[in-house]
Amino acid sequence: MCAQGDEEGEAKVYLYTGARADGESCEVTAGEEPKVLTQTVTLLGARQGEGEAAFTNGDSYKGSFDAGSRSGTGTYTYAAAPPAEEGEEPKPPVAQYDGKWKEGLKSGVGVMEYKGTGAKYHGSFKGGLLDGQGTMFYPNGDLYTGEWSAGKKNGQGTCAQRALERTRAVAARCCVRACG
């Protein structure tokens, strides 16, 4: 879907396919007297309804738009950095968010998977940040479930360790490292 350039010097482009609102009409005039040409042109409207977008950095979004912004339900995939060496295989995505959006930001319930680390958050978002009730699953098997505010643990919550047979000292260190 994404029409990014493969050849040296070829430009990467943003690509959107999907519904749009009606665009404005305007008159475009070119030329000089006595040869003047005026034509009415309808501009593209804002992204509206269901659509897909592929960005120049390799990220992509599939879902709902309202007034040109991600809004409603959708999936945003965060691309890995491009390969360092020519001929090197592209790396898999580093993260993916599947959930609710409002005015272009994560807002409402969603799931954020950090594919590079194996961590996963399931819960509430506000203004693009973890905010409200949610659970973070850490790659080592630990988890934190509780309150979040502005992207950080805040308020009541519980940290659970993967292995119950750990000693208290090890478990305490684990909780501080993974959940603290």
N, C-alpha and C. Protein backbone atom coordinates (compact mmCIF):
# COMPACT_ATOMS: atom_id res chain seq x y z
N MET A 1 0.81 -1.19 0.00
CA MET A 1 0.00 0.00 0.00
C MET A 1 0.85 1.25 0.00
N CYS A 2 1.91 1.30 0.78
CA CYS A 2 2.73 2.50 0.89
C CYS A 2 3.64 2.63 -0.33
N ALA A 3 3.59 3.76 -0.99
CA ALA A 3 4.39 3.97 -2.18
C ALA A 3 5.70 4.65 -1.83
N GLN A 4 6.52 4.00 -1.03
CA GLN A 4 7.81 4.57 -0.65
C GLN A 4 8.84 4.18 -1.70
N GLY A 5 9.78 5.08 -1.93
CA GLY A 5 10.78 4.83 -2.96
C GLY A 5 11.81 3.79 -2.57
N ASP A 6 12.15 2.95 -3.52
CA ASP A 6 13.19 1.95 -3.31
C ASP A 6 14.48 2.37 -4.00
N GLU A 7 14.37 3.14 -5.03
CA GLU A 7 15.54 3.55 -5.80
C GLU A 7 16.21 4.74 -5.12
N GLU A 8 17.52 4.83 -5.29
CA GLU A 8 18.27 5.94 -4.70
C GLU A 8 17.73 7.26 -5.22
N GLY A 9 17.48 8.19 -4.30
CA GLY A 9 16.98 9.51 -4.67
C GLY A 9 15.48 9.57 -4.84
N GLU A 10 14.78 8.43 -4.78
CA GLU A 10 13.34 8.42 -4.94
C GLU A 10 12.70 8.86 -3.62
N ALA A 11 11.75 9.78 -3.68
CA ALA A 11 11.13 10.34 -2.48
C ALA A 11 10.14 9.36 -1.84
N LYS A 12 10.10 9.37 -0.52
CA LYS A 12 9.09 8.63 0.21
C LYS A 12 7.84 9.51 0.26
N VAL A 13 6.68 8.90 0.14
CA VAL A 13 5.45 9.69 0.12
C VAL A 13 4.47 9.21 1.18
N TYR A 14 3.62 10.13 1.62
CA TYR A 14 2.49 9.81 2.48
C TYR A 14 1.37 9.33 1.56
N LEU A 15 0.68 8.28 1.96
CA LEU A 15 -0.39 7.74 1.13
C LEU A 15 -1.62 7.52 1.98
N TYR A 16 -2.75 8.06 1.54
CA TYR A 16 -4.03 7.86 2.24
C TYR A 16 -5.03 7.31 1.25
N THR A 17 -5.73 6.27 1.66
CA THR A 17 -6.85 5.76 0.87
C THR A 17 -8.05 5.67 1.81
N GLY A 18 -9.16 6.16 1.36
CA GLY A 18 -10.36 6.09 2.17
C GLY A 18 -11.28 7.26 1.93
N ALA A 19 -12.29 7.34 2.78
CA ALA A 19 -13.33 8.35 2.65
C ALA A 19 -12.80 9.74 2.98
N ARG A 20 -13.41 10.73 2.36
CA ARG A 20 -13.08 12.13 2.62
C ARG A 20 -14.37 12.95 2.67
N ALA A 21 -14.32 14.03 3.43
CA ALA A 21 -15.42 14.99 3.43
C ALA A 21 -15.37 15.75 2.11
N ASP A 22 -16.46 16.40 1.77
CA ASP A 22 -16.48 17.23 0.57
C ASP A 22 -15.47 18.36 0.73
N GLY A 23 -14.72 18.62 -0.32
CA GLY A 23 -13.73 19.69 -0.29
C GLY A 23 -14.30 21.02 -0.76
N GLU A 24 -13.56 22.08 -0.50
CA GLU A 24 -13.96 23.42 -0.94
C GLU A 24 -13.72 23.57 -2.44
N SER A 25 -14.51 24.42 -3.05
CA SER A 25 -14.29 24.77 -4.45
C SER A 25 -13.65 26.13 -4.49
N CYS A 26 -12.70 26.31 -5.39
CA CYS A 26 -12.07 27.62 -5.54
C CYS A 26 -11.75 27.84 -7.01
N GLU A 27 -11.58 29.08 -7.37
CA GLU A 27 -11.25 29.41 -8.75
C GLU A 27 -9.75 29.64 -8.87
N VAL A 28 -9.18 29.06 -9.90
CA VAL A 28 -7.76 29.22 -10.18
C VAL A 28 -7.64 29.93 -11.52
N THR A 29 -6.86 31.01 -11.53
CA THR A 29 -6.69 31.80 -12.75
C THR A 29 -5.23 31.77 -13.15
N ALA A 30 -4.98 31.57 -14.44
CA ALA A 30 -3.61 31.55 -14.97
C ALA A 30 -3.57 32.34 -16.27
N GLY A 31 -2.41 32.84 -16.56
CA GLY A 31 -2.22 33.56 -17.82
C GLY A 31 -2.31 35.06 -17.66
N GLU A 32 -2.14 35.76 -18.80
CA GLU A 32 -2.22 37.22 -18.84
C GLU A 32 -3.15 37.62 -19.96
N GLU A 33 -3.69 38.84 -19.85
CA GLU A 33 -4.58 39.35 -20.90
C GLU A 33 -3.83 39.35 -22.22
N PRO A 34 -4.36 38.97 -23.26
CA PRO A 34 -5.74 38.62 -23.50
C PRO A 34 -6.03 37.13 -23.27
N LYS A 35 -4.99 36.34 -22.91
CA LYS A 35 -5.19 34.89 -22.74
C LYS A 35 -5.22 34.56 -21.25
N VAL A 36 -6.38 34.61 -20.65
CA VAL A 36 -6.57 34.30 -19.24
C VAL A 36 -7.50 33.10 -19.16
N LEU A 37 -7.11 32.15 -18.34
CA LEU A 37 -7.93 30.96 -18.16
C LEU A 37 -8.31 30.87 -16.68
N THR A 38 -9.58 30.77 -16.41
CA THR A 38 -10.08 30.60 -15.04
C THR A 38 -10.83 29.28 -14.99
N GLN A 39 -10.52 28.52 -13.96
CA GLN A 39 -11.16 27.21 -13.82
C GLN A 39 -11.53 26.99 -12.35
N THR A 40 -12.68 26.38 -12.12
CA THR A 40 -13.11 26.04 -10.77
C THR A 40 -12.56 24.65 -10.43
N VAL A 41 -11.89 24.58 -9.28
CA VAL A 41 -11.26 23.33 -8.84
C VAL A 41 -11.83 22.95 -7.47
N THR A 42 -12.15 21.68 -7.30
CA THR A 42 -12.60 21.20 -5.98
C THR A 42 -11.41 20.56 -5.29
N LEU A 43 -11.07 21.08 -4.11
CA LEU A 43 -9.94 20.57 -3.33
C LEU A 43 -10.36 19.31 -2.58
N LEU A 44 -9.38 18.51 -2.20
CA LEU A 44 -9.65 17.33 -1.39
C LEU A 44 -10.16 17.76 -0.02
N GLY A 45 -11.17 17.07 0.49
CA GLY A 45 -11.68 17.35 1.82
C GLY A 45 -10.86 16.61 2.87
N ALA A 46 -11.16 16.89 4.12
CA ALA A 46 -10.47 16.23 5.23
C ALA A 46 -10.79 14.73 5.23
N ARG A 47 -9.85 13.95 5.77
CA ARG A 47 -10.10 12.52 5.91
C ARG A 47 -11.31 12.36 6.83
N GLN A 48 -12.27 11.55 6.41
CA GLN A 48 -13.53 11.40 7.14
C GLN A 48 -14.06 9.99 6.95
N GLY A 49 -14.36 9.28 8.04
CA GLY A 49 -14.86 7.91 7.94
C GLY A 49 -13.70 6.92 8.00
N GLU A 50 -13.88 5.77 7.37
CA GLU A 50 -12.86 4.72 7.39
C GLU A 50 -11.77 4.99 6.36
N GLY A 51 -10.52 4.70 6.75
CA GLY A 51 -9.42 4.90 5.82
C GLY A 51 -8.14 4.25 6.30
N GLU A 52 -7.13 4.30 5.45
CA GLU A 52 -5.80 3.77 5.76
C GLU A 52 -4.77 4.81 5.37
N ALA A 53 -3.76 4.96 6.22
CA ALA A 53 -2.69 5.91 5.95
C ALA A 53 -1.34 5.21 6.13
N ALA A 54 -0.42 5.50 5.23
CA ALA A 54 0.96 5.02 5.33
C ALA A 54 1.85 6.26 5.35
N PHE A 55 2.69 6.36 6.37
CA PHE A 55 3.50 7.56 6.59
C PHE A 55 4.91 7.38 6.05
N THR A 56 5.61 8.48 5.83
CA THR A 56 6.94 8.44 5.23
C THR A 56 7.96 7.72 6.10
N ASN A 57 7.73 7.64 7.41
CA ASN A 57 8.67 6.94 8.29
C ASN A 57 8.39 5.44 8.38
N GLY A 58 7.37 4.96 7.66
CA GLY A 58 7.04 3.53 7.65
C GLY A 58 5.87 3.17 8.56
N ASP A 59 5.44 4.09 9.44
CA ASP A 59 4.29 3.83 10.30
C ASP A 59 3.03 3.72 9.44
N SER A 60 1.99 3.08 10.00
CA SER A 60 0.73 2.99 9.28
C SER A 60 -0.43 3.05 10.26
N TYR A 61 -1.61 3.43 9.75
CA TYR A 61 -2.83 3.51 10.54
C TYR A 61 -3.98 3.02 9.68
N LYS A 62 -4.84 2.22 10.30
CA LYS A 62 -6.05 1.76 9.64
C LYS A 62 -7.19 1.92 10.63
N GLY A 63 -8.21 2.71 10.25
CA GLY A 63 -9.33 2.92 11.15
C GLY A 63 -10.14 4.13 10.78
N SER A 64 -10.77 4.72 11.79
CA SER A 64 -11.69 5.84 11.60
C SER A 64 -10.99 7.19 11.68
N PHE A 65 -11.53 8.12 10.89
CA PHE A 65 -11.07 9.51 10.90
C PHE A 65 -12.28 10.41 11.08
N ASP A 66 -12.06 11.57 11.71
CA ASP A 66 -13.08 12.60 11.82
C ASP A 66 -12.40 13.95 11.69
N ALA A 67 -12.89 14.75 10.78
CA ALA A 67 -12.34 16.09 10.54
C ALA A 67 -10.83 16.04 10.29
N GLY A 68 -10.36 14.97 9.64
CA GLY A 68 -8.94 14.86 9.26
C GLY A 68 -8.05 14.17 10.28
N SER A 69 -8.56 13.90 11.50
CA SER A 69 -7.74 13.29 12.56
C SER A 69 -8.21 11.87 12.86
N ARG A 70 -7.29 11.05 13.39
CA ARG A 70 -7.67 9.73 13.86
C ARG A 70 -8.70 9.92 14.97
N SER A 71 -9.84 9.27 14.82
CA SER A 71 -10.92 9.42 15.80
C SER A 71 -11.84 8.22 15.69
N GLY A 72 -12.22 7.64 16.83
CA GLY A 72 -13.01 6.41 16.81
C GLY A 72 -12.11 5.24 17.12
N THR A 73 -12.23 4.16 16.37
CA THR A 73 -11.44 2.96 16.60
C THR A 73 -10.44 2.77 15.46
N GLY A 74 -9.21 2.36 15.81
CA GLY A 74 -8.22 2.13 14.78
C GLY A 74 -6.96 1.48 15.32
N THR A 75 -6.11 1.05 14.39
CA THR A 75 -4.85 0.39 14.71
C THR A 75 -3.69 1.19 14.10
N TYR A 76 -2.75 1.59 14.96
CA TYR A 76 -1.55 2.31 14.52
C TYR A 76 -0.36 1.40 14.73
N THR A 77 0.42 1.19 13.68
CA THR A 77 1.60 0.34 13.75
C THR A 77 2.84 1.22 13.62
N TYR A 78 3.75 1.09 14.60
CA TYR A 78 4.98 1.87 14.64
C TYR A 78 6.09 1.06 13.98
N ALA A 79 6.63 1.56 12.88
CA ALA A 79 7.67 0.86 12.13
C ALA A 79 9.02 0.93 12.84
N ALA A 80 9.83 -0.08 12.60
CA ALA A 80 11.22 -0.06 13.08
C ALA A 80 12.02 0.90 12.21
N ALA A 81 13.19 1.25 12.68
CA ALA A 81 14.08 2.09 11.88
C ALA A 81 14.43 1.36 10.59
N PRO A 82 14.67 2.10 9.52
CA PRO A 82 15.03 1.44 8.27
C PRO A 82 16.35 0.67 8.41
N PRO A 83 16.55 -0.34 7.58
CA PRO A 83 17.79 -1.11 7.65
C PRO A 83 19.02 -0.22 7.48
N ALA A 84 20.06 -0.51 8.24
CA ALA A 84 21.29 0.28 8.20
C ALA A 84 22.09 0.01 6.93
N GLU A 85 22.07 -1.22 6.49
CA GLU A 85 22.85 -1.63 5.32
C GLU A 85 21.95 -1.87 4.12
N GLU A 86 22.42 -1.52 2.94
CA GLU A 86 21.68 -1.80 1.73
C GLU A 86 21.57 -3.32 1.57
N GLY A 87 20.39 -3.79 1.21
CA GLY A 87 20.17 -5.22 1.04
C GLY A 87 19.74 -5.93 2.32
N GLU A 88 19.84 -5.23 3.46
CA GLU A 88 19.42 -5.80 4.74
C GLU A 88 17.89 -5.87 4.77
N GLU A 89 17.35 -6.94 5.34
CA GLU A 89 15.91 -7.11 5.44
C GLU A 89 15.31 -6.07 6.38
N PRO A 90 14.12 -5.56 6.05
CA PRO A 90 13.45 -4.63 6.97
C PRO A 90 13.11 -5.34 8.28
N LYS A 91 13.19 -4.58 9.37
CA LYS A 91 12.87 -5.14 10.68
C LYS A 91 11.36 -5.11 10.90
N PRO A 92 10.85 -6.01 11.75
CA PRO A 92 9.41 -6.00 12.03
C PRO A 92 9.03 -4.75 12.83
N PRO A 93 7.73 -4.43 12.87
CA PRO A 93 7.29 -3.25 13.63
C PRO A 93 7.73 -3.32 15.10
N VAL A 94 7.95 -2.16 15.71
CA VAL A 94 8.40 -2.13 17.11
C VAL A 94 7.25 -2.04 18.09
N ALA A 95 6.09 -1.54 17.65
CA ALA A 95 4.94 -1.43 18.55
C ALA A 95 3.67 -1.32 17.73
N GLN A 96 2.56 -1.62 18.41
CA GLN A 96 1.26 -1.48 17.77
C GLN A 96 0.21 -1.11 18.81
N TYR A 97 -0.62 -0.12 18.47
CA TYR A 97 -1.73 0.29 19.33
C TYR A 97 -3.02 -0.03 18.62
N ASP A 98 -3.93 -0.69 19.34
CA ASP A 98 -5.24 -1.03 18.80
C ASP A 98 -6.27 -0.56 19.81
N GLY A 99 -7.08 0.43 19.44
CA GLY A 99 -8.05 0.94 20.39
C GLY A 99 -8.71 2.22 19.94
N LYS A 100 -9.13 3.01 20.91
CA LYS A 100 -9.89 4.23 20.66
C LYS A 100 -8.98 5.44 20.47
N TRP A 101 -9.46 6.37 19.64
CA TRP A 101 -8.76 7.61 19.33
C TRP A 101 -9.71 8.78 19.47
N LYS A 102 -9.17 9.95 19.79
CA LYS A 102 -9.94 11.18 19.83
C LYS A 102 -9.03 12.33 19.41
N GLU A 103 -9.41 13.04 18.37
CA GLU A 103 -8.65 14.19 17.86
C GLU A 103 -7.18 13.86 17.62
N GLY A 104 -6.92 12.67 17.06
CA GLY A 104 -5.57 12.27 16.69
C GLY A 104 -4.74 11.65 17.79
N LEU A 105 -5.29 11.52 19.01
CA LEU A 105 -4.55 10.96 20.15
C LEU A 105 -5.24 9.72 20.69
N LYS A 106 -4.44 8.80 21.25
CA LYS A 106 -5.01 7.63 21.92
C LYS A 106 -5.88 8.14 23.06
N SER A 107 -7.13 7.69 23.10
CA SER A 107 -8.06 8.17 24.13
C SER A 107 -9.18 7.17 24.29
N GLY A 108 -9.34 6.62 25.50
CA GLY A 108 -10.31 5.55 25.74
C GLY A 108 -9.56 4.26 25.98
N VAL A 109 -10.24 3.14 25.80
CA VAL A 109 -9.63 1.83 26.07
C VAL A 109 -8.84 1.35 24.85
N GLY A 110 -7.66 0.81 25.11
CA GLY A 110 -6.84 0.28 24.03
C GLY A 110 -5.78 -0.68 24.54
N VAL A 111 -5.09 -1.30 23.57
CA VAL A 111 -4.00 -2.22 23.87
C VAL A 111 -2.76 -1.73 23.12
N MET A 112 -1.68 -1.51 23.87
CA MET A 112 -0.40 -1.10 23.28
C MET A 112 0.58 -2.24 23.48
N GLU A 113 1.07 -2.79 22.37
CA GLU A 113 2.06 -3.87 22.42
C GLU A 113 3.41 -3.32 21.98
N TYR A 114 4.39 -3.47 22.86
CA TYR A 114 5.76 -3.05 22.55
C TYR A 114 6.50 -4.28 22.05
N LYS A 115 6.43 -4.51 20.75
CA LYS A 115 6.93 -5.75 20.17
C LYS A 115 8.43 -5.94 20.35
N GLY A 116 9.16 -4.86 20.41
CA GLY A 116 10.61 -4.96 20.59
C GLY A 116 11.00 -5.49 21.95
N THR A 117 10.20 -5.18 22.99
CA THR A 117 10.54 -5.60 24.34
C THR A 117 9.67 -6.75 24.84
N GLY A 118 8.49 -6.90 24.27
CA GLY A 118 7.55 -7.91 24.74
C GLY A 118 6.59 -7.39 25.79
N ALA A 119 6.69 -6.12 26.17
CA ALA A 119 5.76 -5.54 27.14
C ALA A 119 4.42 -5.26 26.44
N LYS A 120 3.36 -5.22 27.25
CA LYS A 120 2.02 -4.98 26.71
C LYS A 120 1.18 -4.27 27.77
N TYR A 121 0.47 -3.22 27.34
CA TYR A 121 -0.43 -2.48 28.23
C TYR A 121 -1.85 -2.63 27.72
N HIS A 122 -2.78 -2.93 28.61
CA HIS A 122 -4.19 -3.00 28.27
C HIS A 122 -4.94 -2.13 29.26
N GLY A 123 -5.57 -1.07 28.78
CA GLY A 123 -6.27 -0.19 29.70
C GLY A 123 -6.67 1.12 29.06
N SER A 124 -6.82 2.13 29.91
CA SER A 124 -7.30 3.44 29.48
C SER A 124 -6.17 4.38 29.07
N PHE A 125 -6.49 5.22 28.09
CA PHE A 125 -5.59 6.26 27.59
C PHE A 125 -6.34 7.59 27.62
N LYS A 126 -5.58 8.66 27.77
CA LYS A 126 -6.15 10.01 27.69
C LYS A 126 -5.07 10.93 27.13
N GLY A 127 -5.40 11.66 26.10
CA GLY A 127 -4.43 12.57 25.50
C GLY A 127 -3.18 11.89 24.99
N GLY A 128 -3.30 10.63 24.58
CA GLY A 128 -2.17 9.88 24.03
C GLY A 128 -1.34 9.15 25.08
N LEU A 129 -1.67 9.30 26.37
CA LEU A 129 -0.89 8.70 27.46
C LEU A 129 -1.71 7.68 28.24
N LEU A 130 -1.01 6.75 28.93
CA LEU A 130 -1.66 5.82 29.84
C LEU A 130 -2.33 6.66 30.92
N ASP A 131 -3.63 6.48 31.13
CA ASP A 131 -4.34 7.32 32.08
C ASP A 131 -5.65 6.64 32.48
N GLY A 132 -5.82 6.36 33.77
CA GLY A 132 -7.00 5.65 34.27
C GLY A 132 -6.58 4.25 34.71
N GLN A 133 -7.49 3.29 34.63
CA GLN A 133 -7.20 1.92 35.02
C GLN A 133 -6.52 1.17 33.88
N GLY A 134 -5.50 0.36 34.22
CA GLY A 134 -4.83 -0.42 33.20
C GLY A 134 -3.88 -1.44 33.79
N THR A 135 -3.47 -2.37 32.94
CA THR A 135 -2.52 -3.41 33.35
C THR A 135 -1.34 -3.42 32.38
N MET A 136 -0.14 -3.37 32.94
CA MET A 136 1.09 -3.49 32.16
C MET A 136 1.67 -4.88 32.41
N PHE A 137 1.86 -5.62 31.32
CA PHE A 137 2.48 -6.94 31.37
C PHE A 137 3.93 -6.77 30.94
N TYR A 138 4.87 -7.11 31.83
CA TYR A 138 6.29 -6.92 31.55
C TYR A 138 6.87 -8.17 30.92
N PRO A 139 7.95 -8.04 30.14
CA PRO A 139 8.55 -9.18 29.45
C PRO A 139 9.04 -10.29 30.38
N ASN A 140 9.38 -9.96 31.62
CA ASN A 140 9.88 -10.99 32.54
C ASN A 140 8.75 -11.76 33.22
N GLY A 141 7.49 -11.46 32.86
CA GLY A 141 6.35 -12.16 33.43
C GLY A 141 5.65 -11.41 34.55
N ASP A 142 6.25 -10.34 35.06
CA ASP A 142 5.62 -9.54 36.09
C ASP A 142 4.48 -8.72 35.47
N LEU A 143 3.60 -8.21 36.35
CA LEU A 143 2.57 -7.31 35.86
C LEU A 143 2.20 -6.29 36.92
N TYR A 144 1.76 -5.14 36.47
CA TYR A 144 1.24 -4.10 37.35
C TYR A 144 -0.17 -3.79 36.87
N THR A 145 -1.12 -3.83 37.78
CA THR A 145 -2.48 -3.44 37.44
C THR A 145 -2.94 -2.40 38.44
N GLY A 146 -3.50 -1.32 37.93
CA GLY A 146 -3.91 -0.25 38.82
C GLY A 146 -4.13 1.05 38.09
N GLU A 147 -3.94 2.13 38.83
CA GLU A 147 -4.20 3.47 38.30
C GLU A 147 -2.97 4.07 37.63
N TRP A 148 -3.23 4.82 36.56
CA TRP A 148 -2.19 5.52 35.80
C TRP A 148 -2.64 6.97 35.63
N SER A 149 -1.68 7.87 35.54
CA SER A 149 -1.98 9.27 35.26
C SER A 149 -0.83 9.87 34.45
N ALA A 150 -1.18 10.50 33.36
CA ALA A 150 -0.19 11.17 32.50
C ALA A 150 0.97 10.24 32.12
N GLY A 151 0.67 8.96 31.89
CA GLY A 151 1.68 8.01 31.43
C GLY A 151 2.47 7.32 32.52
N LYS A 152 2.15 7.60 33.80
CA LYS A 152 2.92 7.02 34.91
C LYS A 152 1.98 6.36 35.91
N LYS A 153 2.50 5.34 36.63
CA LYS A 153 1.73 4.72 37.70
C LYS A 153 1.42 5.79 38.74
N ASN A 154 0.15 5.81 39.18
CA ASN A 154 -0.26 6.85 40.12
C ASN A 154 -1.50 6.37 40.86
N GLY A 155 -1.47 6.36 42.17
CA GLY A 155 -2.63 5.93 42.95
C GLY A 155 -2.52 4.47 43.34
N GLN A 156 -3.65 3.80 43.47
CA GLN A 156 -3.70 2.40 43.90
C GLN A 156 -3.32 1.46 42.77
N GLY A 157 -2.55 0.41 43.13
CA GLY A 157 -2.17 -0.59 42.14
C GLY A 157 -1.55 -1.79 42.79
N THR A 158 -1.45 -2.86 42.04
CA THR A 158 -0.87 -4.11 42.53
C THR A 158 0.19 -4.59 41.55
N CYS A 159 1.34 -4.99 42.11
CA CYS A 159 2.41 -5.56 41.30
C CYS A 159 2.49 -7.05 41.64
N ALA A 160 2.46 -7.89 40.63
CA ALA A 160 2.55 -9.33 40.85
C ALA A 160 3.77 -9.86 40.11
N GLN A 161 4.53 -10.73 40.82
CA GLN A 161 5.72 -11.31 40.22
C GLN A 161 5.38 -12.65 39.56
N ARG A 162 6.16 -12.99 38.56
CA ARG A 162 5.95 -14.20 37.78
C ARG A 162 6.11 -15.45 38.62
N ALA A 163 7.15 -15.56 39.41
CA ALA A 163 7.43 -16.80 40.14
C ALA A 163 7.20 -16.60 41.63
N LEU A 164 6.28 -17.35 42.19
CA LEU A 164 5.96 -17.22 43.61
C LEU A 164 7.08 -17.74 44.50
N GLU A 165 7.94 -18.62 43.97
CA GLU A 165 9.00 -19.21 44.81
C GLU A 165 10.19 -18.28 45.01
N ARG A 166 10.18 -17.10 44.44
CA ARG A 166 11.29 -16.16 44.63
C ARG A 166 11.38 -15.78 46.10
N THR A 167 12.57 -15.45 46.53
CA THR A 167 12.71 -14.98 47.91
C THR A 167 12.14 -13.57 47.99
N ARG A 168 11.86 -13.14 49.21
CA ARG A 168 11.30 -11.80 49.38
C ARG A 168 12.20 -10.73 48.79
N ALA A 169 13.49 -10.84 49.01
CA ALA A 169 14.42 -9.82 48.52
C ALA A 169 14.40 -9.78 46.99
N VAL A 170 14.43 -10.94 46.36
CA VAL A 170 14.41 -10.98 44.89
C VAL A 170 13.09 -10.44 44.39
N ALA A 171 11.98 -10.85 45.01
CA ALA A 171 10.66 -10.38 44.58
C ALA A 171 10.55 -8.87 44.77
N ALA A 172 11.05 -8.36 45.88
CA ALA A 172 10.99 -6.92 46.11
C ALA A 172 11.80 -6.17 45.08
N ARG A 173 13.02 -6.67 44.76
CA ARG A 173 13.84 -6.03 43.73
C ARG A 173 13.12 -6.06 42.39
N CYS A 174 12.48 -7.18 42.08
CA CYS A 174 11.78 -7.35 40.81
C CYS A 174 10.65 -6.33 40.70
N CYS A 175 9.89 -6.20 41.77
CA CYS A 175 8.75 -5.28 41.74
C CYS A 175 9.22 -3.85 41.60
N VAL A 176 10.28 -3.48 42.27
CA VAL A 176 10.81 -2.13 42.16
C VAL A 176 11.29 -1.89 40.74
N ARG A 177 12.01 -2.86 40.16
CA ARG A 177 12.55 -2.70 38.80
C ARG A 177 11.42 -2.67 37.76
N ALA A 178 10.53 -3.67 37.79
CA ALA A 178 9.53 -3.80 36.74
C ALA A 178 8.30 -2.92 36.99
N CYS A 179 7.89 -2.79 38.24
CA CYS A 179 6.63 -2.12 38.51
C CYS A 179 6.78 -0.80 39.24
N GLY A 180 7.92 -0.57 39.82
CA GLY A 180 8.08 0.65 40.65
C GLY A 180 8.31 1.81 39.83
